[in-house]
Amino acid sequence: MAKAGKSRQPARAGASAQGSGGGSSGGAATPARKKTVNPFRFIGEVRQEGRKVTWTSRNETIVSSIFVLVMATLAAIFFFGVDSFIGMVINFLLGLGA
């Protein structure tokens, strides 16, 4: 973090953020040329990146999936019980006034 009272100064008075390539003559800038997209090259690059990934083993995937299913089932049972209990309490309280 910068110290209080100091501000960042450029290295040179004439230096710009883009470097020393070209002056600021006020002329219109030429638009940047768009890259052409080759879908076959893109697919090849995606496959190369896919080979670099460290994939989990089949056993680890199965164990993790079973764990998630068990935990989701336990959570569903828990919330079903809580919901049923709250419903019974509300029905009891509403029945007192009848």
PDB file of N, CA and C in Angstrom:
ATOM      1  N   MET A   1       0.841  -1.156   0.000  1.00  0.00           N
ATOM      2  CA  MET A   1       0.000   0.000   0.000  1.00  0.00           C
ATOM      3  C   MET A   1       0.895   1.230   0.000  1.00  0.00           C
ATOM      4  N   ALA A   2       0.526   2.272  -0.698  1.00  0.00           N
ATOM      5  CA  ALA A   2       1.327   3.485  -0.782  1.00  0.00           C
ATOM      6  C   ALA A   2       1.227   4.253   0.524  1.00  0.00           C
ATOM      7  N   LYS A   3       2.319   4.951   0.861  1.00  0.00           N
ATOM      8  CA  LYS A   3       2.327   5.758   2.067  1.00  0.00           C
ATOM      9  C   LYS A   3       1.523   7.025   1.830  1.00  0.00           C
ATOM     10  N   ALA A   4       0.964   7.543   2.897  1.00  0.00           N
ATOM     11  CA  ALA A   4       0.157   8.754   2.793  1.00  0.00           C
ATOM     12  C   ALA A   4       1.041   9.925   2.399  1.00  0.00           C
ATOM     13  N   GLY A   5       0.533  10.780   1.532  1.00  0.00           N
ATOM     14  CA  GLY A   5       1.271  11.970   1.129  1.00  0.00           C
ATOM     15  C   GLY A   5       2.084  11.770  -0.130  1.00  0.00           C
ATOM     16  N   LYS A   6       2.277  10.537  -0.558  1.00  0.00           N
ATOM     17  CA  LYS A   6       3.051  10.292  -1.770  1.00  0.00           C
ATOM     18  C   LYS A   6       2.112   9.843  -2.872  1.00  0.00           C
ATOM     19  N   SER A   7       2.346  10.323  -4.067  1.00  0.00           N
ATOM     20  CA  SER A   7       1.550   9.878  -5.202  1.00  0.00           C
ATOM     21  C   SER A   7       2.482   9.259  -6.220  1.00  0.00           C
ATOM     22  N   ARG A   8       1.941   8.422  -7.051  1.00  0.00           N
ATOM     23  CA  ARG A   8       2.752   7.745  -8.058  1.00  0.00           C
ATOM     24  C   ARG A   8       3.020   8.698  -9.207  1.00  0.00           C
ATOM     25  N   GLN A   9       4.240   8.781  -9.622  1.00  0.00           N
ATOM     26  CA  GLN A   9       4.658   9.634 -10.730  1.00  0.00           C
ATOM     27  C   GLN A   9       5.172   8.749 -11.851  1.00  0.00           C
ATOM     28  N   PRO A  10       4.922   9.112 -13.127  1.00  0.00           N
ATOM     29  CA  PRO A  10       5.515   8.346 -14.220  1.00  0.00           C
ATOM     30  C   PRO A  10       7.028   8.493 -14.209  1.00  0.00           C
ATOM     31  N   ALA A  11       7.703   7.522 -14.788  1.00  0.00           N
ATOM     32  CA  ALA A  11       9.161   7.524 -14.804  1.00  0.00           C
ATOM     33  C   ALA A  11       9.706   8.730 -15.557  1.00  0.00           C
ATOM     34  N   ARG A  12       9.079   9.086 -16.669  1.00  0.00           N
ATOM     35  CA  ARG A  12       9.491  10.254 -17.447  1.00  0.00           C
ATOM     36  C   ARG A  12       8.279  11.137 -17.665  1.00  0.00           C
ATOM     37  N   ALA A  13       8.533  12.384 -17.896  1.00  0.00           N
ATOM     38  CA  ALA A  13       7.433  13.320 -18.110  1.00  0.00           C
ATOM     39  C   ALA A  13       6.679  12.994 -19.393  1.00  0.00           C
ATOM     40  N   GLY A  14       7.362  12.524 -20.439  1.00  0.00           N
ATOM     41  CA  GLY A  14       6.723  12.250 -21.720  1.00  0.00           C
ATOM     42  C   GLY A  14       6.248  10.819 -21.868  1.00  0.00           C
ATOM     43  N   ALA A  15       6.447   9.984 -20.843  1.00  0.00           N
ATOM     44  CA  ALA A  15       6.077   8.573 -20.953  1.00  0.00           C
ATOM     45  C   ALA A  15       4.568   8.425 -20.840  1.00  0.00           C
ATOM     46  N   SER A  16       4.036   7.502 -21.610  1.00  0.00           N
ATOM     47  CA  SER A  16       2.603   7.219 -21.542  1.00  0.00           C
ATOM     48  C   SER A  16       2.416   5.786 -21.090  1.00  0.00           C
ATOM     49  N   ALA A  17       1.183   5.420 -20.809  1.00  0.00           N
ATOM     50  CA  ALA A  17       0.893   4.063 -20.348  1.00  0.00           C
ATOM     51  C   ALA A  17       1.106   3.042 -21.449  1.00  0.00           C
ATOM     52  N   GLN A  18       1.087   3.498 -22.721  1.00  0.00           N
ATOM     53  CA  GLN A  18       1.236   2.579 -23.837  1.00  0.00           C
ATOM     54  C   GLN A  18       2.681   2.449 -24.284  1.00  0.00           C
ATOM     55  N   GLY A  19       3.576   3.140 -23.670  1.00  0.00           N
ATOM     56  CA  GLY A  19       4.967   3.052 -24.083  1.00  0.00           C
ATOM     57  C   GLY A  19       5.340   4.256 -24.921  1.00  0.00           C
ATOM     58  N   SER A  20       6.505   4.202 -25.527  1.00  0.00           N
ATOM     59  CA  SER A  20       6.986   5.346 -26.292  1.00  0.00           C
ATOM     60  C   SER A  20       6.716   5.187 -27.770  1.00  0.00           C
ATOM     61  N   GLY A  21       5.773   4.373 -28.152  1.00  0.00           N
ATOM     62  CA  GLY A  21       5.474   4.156 -29.561  1.00  0.00           C
ATOM     63  C   GLY A  21       4.458   5.146 -30.070  1.00  0.00           C
ATOM     64  N   GLY A  22       4.887   6.242 -30.620  1.00  0.00           N
ATOM     65  CA  GLY A  22       3.967   7.199 -31.230  1.00  0.00           C
ATOM     66  C   GLY A  22       3.667   8.350 -30.302  1.00  0.00           C
ATOM     67  N   GLY A  23       3.476   9.493 -30.905  1.00  0.00           N
ATOM     68  CA  GLY A  23       3.172  10.691 -30.138  1.00  0.00           C
ATOM     69  C   GLY A  23       1.687  10.917 -30.092  1.00  0.00           C
ATOM     70  N   SER A  24       1.311  11.920 -29.353  1.00  0.00           N
ATOM     71  CA  SER A  24      -0.100  12.257 -29.260  1.00  0.00           C
ATOM     72  C   SER A  24      -0.362  13.460 -30.152  1.00  0.00           C
ATOM     73  N   SER A  25      -0.446  13.200 -31.449  1.00  0.00           N
ATOM     74  CA  SER A  25      -0.652  14.280 -32.399  1.00  0.00           C
ATOM     75  C   SER A  25      -2.117  14.636 -32.534  1.00  0.00           C
ATOM     76  N   GLY A  26      -2.996  13.903 -31.882  1.00  0.00           N
ATOM     77  CA  GLY A  26      -4.409  14.211 -31.939  1.00  0.00           C
ATOM     78  C   GLY A  26      -5.096  13.581 -33.130  1.00  0.00           C
ATOM     79  N   GLY A  27      -4.399  12.774 -33.934  1.00  0.00           N
ATOM     80  CA  GLY A  27      -4.999  12.128 -35.092  1.00  0.00           C
ATOM     81  C   GLY A  27      -5.877  10.969 -34.674  1.00  0.00           C
ATOM     82  N   ALA A  28      -6.739  10.531 -35.576  1.00  0.00           N
ATOM     83  CA  ALA A  28      -7.628   9.412 -35.294  1.00  0.00           C
ATOM     84  C   ALA A  28      -6.827   8.121 -35.220  1.00  0.00           C
ATOM     85  N   ALA A  29      -7.102   7.333 -34.216  1.00  0.00           N
ATOM     86  CA  ALA A  29      -6.407   6.057 -34.060  1.00  0.00           C
ATOM     87  C   ALA A  29      -7.032   5.038 -35.002  1.00  0.00           C
ATOM     88  N   THR A  30      -6.203   4.177 -35.574  1.00  0.00           N
ATOM     89  CA  THR A  30      -6.720   3.131 -36.451  1.00  0.00           C
ATOM     90  C   THR A  30      -7.288   2.022 -35.581  1.00  0.00           C
ATOM     91  N   PRO A  31      -8.452   1.485 -35.927  1.00  0.00           N
ATOM     92  CA  PRO A  31      -9.035   0.418 -35.108  1.00  0.00           C
ATOM     93  C   PRO A  31      -8.186  -0.839 -35.173  1.00  0.00           C
ATOM     94  N   ALA A  32      -8.146  -1.558 -34.052  1.00  0.00           N
ATOM     95  CA  ALA A  32      -7.380  -2.803 -34.004  1.00  0.00           C
ATOM     96  C   ALA A  32      -8.052  -3.834 -34.905  1.00  0.00           C
ATOM     97  N   ARG A  33      -7.249  -4.598 -35.611  1.00  0.00           N
ATOM     98  CA  ARG A  33      -7.766  -5.599 -36.531  1.00  0.00           C
ATOM     99  C   ARG A  33      -8.225  -6.822 -35.752  1.00  0.00           C
ATOM    100  N   LYS A  34      -9.418  -7.320 -36.049  1.00  0.00           N
ATOM    101  CA  LYS A  34      -9.945  -8.493 -35.356  1.00  0.00           C
ATOM    102  C   LYS A  34      -9.197  -9.742 -35.794  1.00  0.00           C
ATOM    103  N   LYS A  35      -8.982 -10.637 -34.824  1.00  0.00           N
ATOM    104  CA  LYS A  35      -8.358 -11.913 -35.149  1.00  0.00           C
ATOM    105  C   LYS A  35      -9.387 -12.800 -35.831  1.00  0.00           C
ATOM    106  N   THR A  36      -8.939 -13.560 -36.807  1.00  0.00           N
ATOM    107  CA  THR A  36      -9.846 -14.523 -37.425  1.00  0.00           C
ATOM    108  C   THR A  36      -9.918 -15.756 -36.527  1.00  0.00           C
ATOM    109  N   VAL A  37     -11.100 -16.304 -36.389  1.00  0.00           N
ATOM    110  CA  VAL A  37     -11.315 -17.446 -35.504  1.00  0.00           C
ATOM    111  C   VAL A  37     -11.421 -18.699 -36.356  1.00  0.00           C
ATOM    112  N   ASN A  38     -10.533 -19.644 -36.097  1.00  0.00           N
ATOM    113  CA  ASN A  38     -10.553 -20.918 -36.794  1.00  0.00           C
ATOM    114  C   ASN A  38     -11.133 -21.957 -35.837  1.00  0.00           C
ATOM    115  N   PRO A  39     -12.329 -22.474 -36.109  1.00  0.00           N
ATOM    116  CA  PRO A  39     -12.945 -23.416 -35.165  1.00  0.00           C
ATOM    117  C   PRO A  39     -12.149 -24.704 -34.986  1.00  0.00           C
ATOM    118  N   PHE A  40     -11.475 -25.166 -36.020  1.00  0.00           N
ATOM    119  CA  PHE A  40     -10.691 -26.402 -35.899  1.00  0.00           C
ATOM    120  C   PHE A  40      -9.489 -26.193 -34.986  1.00  0.00           C
ATOM    121  N   ARG A  41      -8.868 -25.024 -35.086  1.00  0.00           N
ATOM    122  CA  ARG A  41      -7.738 -24.718 -34.213  1.00  0.00           C
ATOM    123  C   ARG A  41      -8.225 -24.599 -32.759  1.00  0.00           C
ATOM    124  N   PHE A  42      -9.379 -23.962 -32.586  1.00  0.00           N
ATOM    125  CA  PHE A  42      -9.949 -23.816 -31.242  1.00  0.00           C
ATOM    126  C   PHE A  42     -10.210 -25.181 -30.614  1.00  0.00           C
ATOM    127  N   ILE A  43     -10.812 -26.099 -31.364  1.00  0.00           N
ATOM    128  CA  ILE A  43     -11.102 -27.439 -30.846  1.00  0.00           C
ATOM    129  C   ILE A  43      -9.806 -28.160 -30.497  1.00  0.00           C
ATOM    130  N   GLY A  44      -8.783 -27.998 -31.325  1.00  0.00           N
ATOM    131  CA  GLY A  44      -7.491 -28.609 -31.029  1.00  0.00           C
ATOM    132  C   GLY A  44      -6.887 -28.073 -29.740  1.00  0.00           C
ATOM    133  N   GLU A  45      -7.010 -26.750 -29.525  1.00  0.00           N
ATOM    134  CA  GLU A  45      -6.481 -26.159 -28.298  1.00  0.00           C
ATOM    135  C   GLU A  45      -7.264 -26.631 -27.074  1.00  0.00           C
ATOM    136  N   VAL A  46      -8.571 -26.793 -27.220  1.00  0.00           N
ATOM    137  CA  VAL A  46      -9.386 -27.296 -26.113  1.00  0.00           C
ATOM    138  C   VAL A  46      -8.964 -28.715 -25.755  1.00  0.00           C
ATOM    139  N   ARG A  47      -8.712 -29.539 -26.761  1.00  0.00           N
ATOM    140  CA  ARG A  47      -8.270 -30.918 -26.498  1.00  0.00           C
ATOM    141  C   ARG A  47      -6.914 -30.939 -25.802  1.00  0.00           C
ATOM    142  N   GLN A  48      -6.004 -30.043 -26.218  1.00  0.00           N
ATOM    143  CA  GLN A  48      -4.694 -29.975 -25.568  1.00  0.00           C
ATOM    144  C   GLN A  48      -4.845 -29.604 -24.094  1.00  0.00           C
ATOM    145  N   GLU A  49      -5.694 -28.621 -23.811  1.00  0.00           N
ATOM    146  CA  GLU A  49      -5.898 -28.217 -22.420  1.00  0.00           C
ATOM    147  C   GLU A  49      -6.561 -29.336 -21.618  1.00  0.00           C
ATOM    148  N   GLY A  50      -7.457 -30.088 -22.248  1.00  0.00           N
ATOM    149  CA  GLY A  50      -8.110 -31.206 -21.573  1.00  0.00           C
ATOM    150  C   GLY A  50      -7.126 -32.291 -21.180  1.00  0.00           C
ATOM    151  N   ARG A  51      -6.089 -32.468 -21.978  1.00  0.00           N
ATOM    152  CA  ARG A  51      -5.061 -33.472 -21.644  1.00  0.00           C
ATOM    153  C   ARG A  51      -4.210 -33.032 -20.457  1.00  0.00           C
ATOM    154  N   LYS A  52      -4.116 -31.722 -20.214  1.00  0.00           N
ATOM    155  CA  LYS A  52      -3.304 -31.206 -19.116  1.00  0.00           C
ATOM    156  C   LYS A  52      -4.009 -31.329 -17.763  1.00  0.00           C
ATOM    157  N   VAL A  53      -5.326 -31.516 -17.778  1.00  0.00           N
ATOM    158  CA  VAL A  53      -6.106 -31.559 -16.543  1.00  0.00           C
ATOM    159  C   VAL A  53      -5.812 -32.847 -15.789  1.00  0.00           C
ATOM    160  N   THR A  54      -5.696 -32.734 -14.467  1.00  0.00           N
ATOM    161  CA  THR A  54      -5.543 -33.912 -13.621  1.00  0.00           C
ATOM    162  C   THR A  54      -6.939 -34.372 -13.233  1.00  0.00           C
ATOM    163  N   TRP A  55      -7.407 -35.436 -13.855  1.00  0.00           N
ATOM    164  CA  TRP A  55      -8.754 -35.931 -13.627  1.00  0.00           C
ATOM    165  C   TRP A  55      -8.764 -36.857 -12.421  1.00  0.00           C
ATOM    166  N   THR A  56      -9.894 -36.914 -11.717  1.00  0.00           N
ATOM    167  CA  THR A  56     -10.009 -37.824 -10.582  1.00  0.00           C
ATOM    168  C   THR A  56     -10.177 -39.250 -11.095  1.00  0.00           C
ATOM    169  N   SER A  57      -9.830 -40.199 -10.233  1.00  0.00           N
ATOM    170  CA  SER A  57      -9.968 -41.603 -10.624  1.00  0.00           C
ATOM    171  C   SER A  57     -11.445 -41.994 -10.603  1.00  0.00           C
ATOM    172  N   ARG A  58     -11.748 -43.099 -11.258  1.00  0.00           N
ATOM    173  CA  ARG A  58     -13.136 -43.580 -11.304  1.00  0.00           C
ATOM    174  C   ARG A  58     -13.625 -43.906  -9.891  1.00  0.00           C
ATOM    175  N   ASN A  59     -12.757 -44.526  -9.088  1.00  0.00           N
ATOM    176  CA  ASN A  59     -13.142 -44.900  -7.728  1.00  0.00           C
ATOM    177  C   ASN A  59     -13.457 -43.660  -6.889  1.00  0.00           C
ATOM    178  N   GLU A  60     -12.621 -42.634  -6.987  1.00  0.00           N
ATOM    179  CA  GLU A  60     -12.853 -41.409  -6.220  1.00  0.00           C
ATOM    180  C   GLU A  60     -14.153 -40.727  -6.648  1.00  0.00           C
ATOM    181  N   THR A  61     -14.447 -40.752  -7.932  1.00  0.00           N
ATOM    182  CA  THR A  61     -15.689 -40.160  -8.433  1.00  0.00           C
ATOM    183  C   THR A  61     -16.904 -40.909  -7.897  1.00  0.00           C
ATOM    184  N   ILE A  62     -16.840 -42.238  -7.888  1.00  0.00           N
ATOM    185  CA  ILE A  62     -17.960 -43.048  -7.387  1.00  0.00           C
ATOM    186  C   ILE A  62     -18.171 -42.810  -5.897  1.00  0.00           C
ATOM    187  N   VAL A  63     -17.080 -42.822  -5.121  1.00  0.00           N
ATOM    188  CA  VAL A  63     -17.191 -42.621  -3.675  1.00  0.00           C
ATOM    189  C   VAL A  63     -17.753 -41.233  -3.373  1.00  0.00           C
ATOM    190  N   SER A  64     -17.279 -40.222  -4.072  1.00  0.00           N
ATOM    191  CA  SER A  64     -17.770 -38.862  -3.843  1.00  0.00           C
ATOM    192  C   SER A  64     -19.242 -38.739  -4.214  1.00  0.00           C
ATOM    193  N   SER A  65     -19.647 -39.370  -5.303  1.00  0.00           N
ATOM    194  CA  SER A  65     -21.054 -39.313  -5.728  1.00  0.00           C
ATOM    195  C   SER A  65     -21.967 -39.987  -4.713  1.00  0.00           C
ATOM    196  N   ILE A  66     -21.538 -41.136  -4.197  1.00  0.00           N
ATOM    197  CA  ILE A  66     -22.337 -41.843  -3.186  1.00  0.00           C
ATOM    198  C   ILE A  66     -22.447 -40.996  -1.920  1.00  0.00           C
ATOM    199  N   PHE A  67     -21.346 -40.379  -1.521  1.00  0.00           N
ATOM    200  CA  PHE A  67     -21.356 -39.522  -0.335  1.00  0.00           C
ATOM    201  C   PHE A  67     -22.338 -38.362  -0.506  1.00  0.00           C
ATOM    202  N   VAL A  68     -22.334 -37.744  -1.671  1.00  0.00           N
ATOM    203  CA  VAL A  68     -23.253 -36.626  -1.933  1.00  0.00           C
ATOM    204  C   VAL A  68     -24.700 -37.104  -1.884  1.00  0.00           C
ATOM    205  N   LEU A  69     -24.990 -38.259  -2.477  1.00  0.00           N
ATOM    206  CA  LEU A  69     -26.356 -38.789  -2.452  1.00  0.00           C
ATOM    207  C   LEU A  69     -26.816 -39.100  -1.027  1.00  0.00           C
ATOM    208  N   VAL A  70     -25.938 -39.689  -0.220  1.00  0.00           N
ATOM    209  CA  VAL A  70     -26.290 -40.012   1.163  1.00  0.00           C
ATOM    210  C   VAL A  70     -26.551 -38.733   1.956  1.00  0.00           C
ATOM    211  N   MET A  71     -25.677 -37.746   1.821  1.00  0.00           N
ATOM    212  CA  MET A  71     -25.849 -36.496   2.560  1.00  0.00           C
ATOM    213  C   MET A  71     -27.105 -35.755   2.118  1.00  0.00           C
ATOM    214  N   ALA A  72     -27.410 -35.765   0.826  1.00  0.00           N
ATOM    215  CA  ALA A  72     -28.630 -35.113   0.335  1.00  0.00           C
ATOM    216  C   ALA A  72     -29.869 -35.822   0.871  1.00  0.00           C
ATOM    217  N   THR A  73     -29.821 -37.151   0.946  1.00  0.00           N
ATOM    218  CA  THR A  73     -30.949 -37.915   1.491  1.00  0.00           C
ATOM    219  C   THR A  73     -31.142 -37.611   2.974  1.00  0.00           C
ATOM    220  N   LEU A  74     -30.040 -37.568   3.726  1.00  0.00           N
ATOM    221  CA  LEU A  74     -30.137 -37.240   5.151  1.00  0.00           C
ATOM    222  C   LEU A  74     -30.678 -35.830   5.362  1.00  0.00           C
ATOM    223  N   ALA A  75     -30.243 -34.889   4.554  1.00  0.00           N
ATOM    224  CA  ALA A  75     -30.747 -33.519   4.671  1.00  0.00           C
ATOM    225  C   ALA A  75     -32.236 -33.465   4.349  1.00  0.00           C
ATOM    226  N   ALA A  76     -32.666 -34.212   3.330  1.00  0.00           N
ATOM    227  CA  ALA A  76     -34.090 -34.238   2.968  1.00  0.00           C
ATOM    228  C   ALA A  76     -34.924 -34.823   4.101  1.00  0.00           C
ATOM    229  N   ILE A  77     -34.441 -35.900   4.717  1.00  0.00           N
ATOM    230  CA  ILE A  77     -35.171 -36.517   5.835  1.00  0.00           C
ATOM    231  C   ILE A  77     -35.242 -35.554   7.018  1.00  0.00           C
ATOM    232  N   PHE A  78     -34.128 -34.893   7.312  1.00  0.00           N
ATOM    233  CA  PHE A  78     -34.090 -33.937   8.421  1.00  0.00           C
ATOM    234  C   PHE A  78     -35.093 -32.806   8.203  1.00  0.00           C
ATOM    235  N   PHE A  79     -35.060 -32.195   7.024  1.00  0.00           N
ATOM    236  CA  PHE A  79     -35.960 -31.069   6.772  1.00  0.00           C
ATOM    237  C   PHE A  79     -37.419 -31.515   6.675  1.00  0.00           C
ATOM    238  N   PHE A  80     -37.670 -32.737   6.221  1.00  0.00           N
ATOM    239  CA  PHE A  80     -39.033 -33.266   6.230  1.00  0.00           C
ATOM    240  C   PHE A  80     -39.536 -33.381   7.665  1.00  0.00           C
ATOM    241  N   GLY A  81     -38.675 -33.881   8.558  1.00  0.00           N
ATOM    242  CA  GLY A  81     -39.052 -34.001   9.966  1.00  0.00           C
ATOM    243  C   GLY A  81     -39.302 -32.650  10.611  1.00  0.00           C
ATOM    244  N   VAL A  82     -38.421 -31.697  10.359  1.00  0.00           N
ATOM    245  CA  VAL A  82     -38.594 -30.356  10.926  1.00  0.00           C
ATOM    246  C   VAL A  82     -39.883 -29.729  10.402  1.00  0.00           C
ATOM    247  N   ASP A  83     -40.138 -29.861   9.109  1.00  0.00           N
ATOM    248  CA  ASP A  83     -41.340 -29.294   8.504  1.00  0.00           C
ATOM    249  C   ASP A  83     -42.592 -29.947   9.080  1.00  0.00           C
ATOM    250  N   SER A  84     -42.565 -31.253   9.256  1.00  0.00           N
ATOM    251  CA  SER A  84     -43.720 -31.957   9.829  1.00  0.00           C
ATOM    252  C   SER A  84     -43.975 -31.511  11.264  1.00  0.00           C
ATOM    253  N   PHE A  85     -42.905 -31.375  12.040  1.00  0.00           N
ATOM    254  CA  PHE A  85     -43.042 -30.938  13.433  1.00  0.00           C
ATOM    255  C   PHE A  85     -43.623 -29.532  13.507  1.00  0.00           C
ATOM    256  N   ILE A  86     -43.103 -28.623  12.714  1.00  0.00           N
ATOM    257  CA  ILE A  86     -43.610 -27.247  12.720  1.00  0.00           C
ATOM    258  C   ILE A  86     -45.071 -27.222  12.268  1.00  0.00           C
ATOM    259  N   GLY A  87     -45.412 -28.047  11.273  1.00  0.00           N
ATOM    260  CA  GLY A  87     -46.802 -28.129  10.823  1.00  0.00           C
ATOM    261  C   GLY A  87     -47.732 -28.611  11.918  1.00  0.00           C
ATOM    262  N   MET A  88     -47.291 -29.615  12.689  1.00  0.00           N
ATOM    263  CA  MET A  88     -48.119 -30.122  13.793  1.00  0.00           C
ATOM    264  C   MET A  88     -48.300 -29.054  14.869  1.00  0.00           C
ATOM    265  N   VAL A  89     -47.234 -28.322  15.185  1.00  0.00           N
ATOM    266  CA  VAL A  89     -47.327 -27.264  16.197  1.00  0.00           C
ATOM    267  C   VAL A  89     -48.299 -26.184  15.737  1.00  0.00           C
ATOM    268  N   ILE A  90     -48.206 -25.775  14.487  1.00  0.00           N
ATOM    269  CA  ILE A  90     -49.103 -24.734  13.968  1.00  0.00           C
ATOM    270  C   ILE A  90     -50.545 -25.222  13.976  1.00  0.00           C
ATOM    271  N   ASN A  91     -50.782 -26.461  13.548  1.00  0.00           N
ATOM    272  CA  ASN A  91     -52.143 -27.013  13.573  1.00  0.00           C
ATOM    273  C   ASN A  91     -52.686 -27.086  15.002  1.00  0.00           C
ATOM    274  N   PHE A  92     -51.833 -27.446  15.953  1.00  0.00           N
ATOM    275  CA  PHE A  92     -52.261 -27.497  17.356  1.00  0.00           C
ATOM    276  C   PHE A  92     -52.650 -26.114  17.855  1.00  0.00           C
ATOM    277  N   LEU A  93     -51.791 -25.114  17.543  1.00  0.00           N
ATOM    278  CA  LEU A  93     -52.074 -23.749  17.989  1.00  0.00           C
ATOM    279  C   LEU A  93     -53.339 -23.195  17.336  1.00  0.00           C
ATOM    280  N   LEU A  94     -53.554 -23.495  16.083  1.00  0.00           N
ATOM    281  CA  LEU A  94     -54.757 -23.020  15.403  1.00  0.00           C
ATOM    282  C   LEU A  94     -55.997 -23.750  15.906  1.00  0.00           C
ATOM    283  N   GLY A  95     -55.831 -24.987  16.360  1.00  0.00           N
ATOM    284  CA  GLY A  95     -56.958 -25.763  16.880  1.00  0.00           C
ATOM    285  C   GLY A  95     -57.403 -25.306  18.250  1.00  0.00           C
ATOM    286  N   LEU A  96     -56.523 -24.607  18.980  1.00  0.00           N
ATOM    287  CA  LEU A  96     -56.884 -24.129  20.312  1.00  0.00           C
ATOM    288  C   LEU A  96     -57.976 -23.069  20.252  1.00  0.00           C
ATOM    289  N   GLY A  97     -57.993 -22.296  19.189  1.00  0.00           N
ATOM    290  CA  GLY A  97     -58.963 -21.205  19.094  1.00  0.00           C
ATOM    291  C   GLY A  97     -60.326 -21.657  18.628  1.00  0.00           C
ATOM    292  N   ALA A  98     -60.466 -22.895  18.189  1.00  0.00           N
ATOM    293  CA  ALA A  98     -61.760 -23.339  17.637  1.00  0.00           C
ATOM    294  C   ALA A  98     -62.719 -23.798  18.687  1.00  0.00           C
TER     295      ALA A  98
END
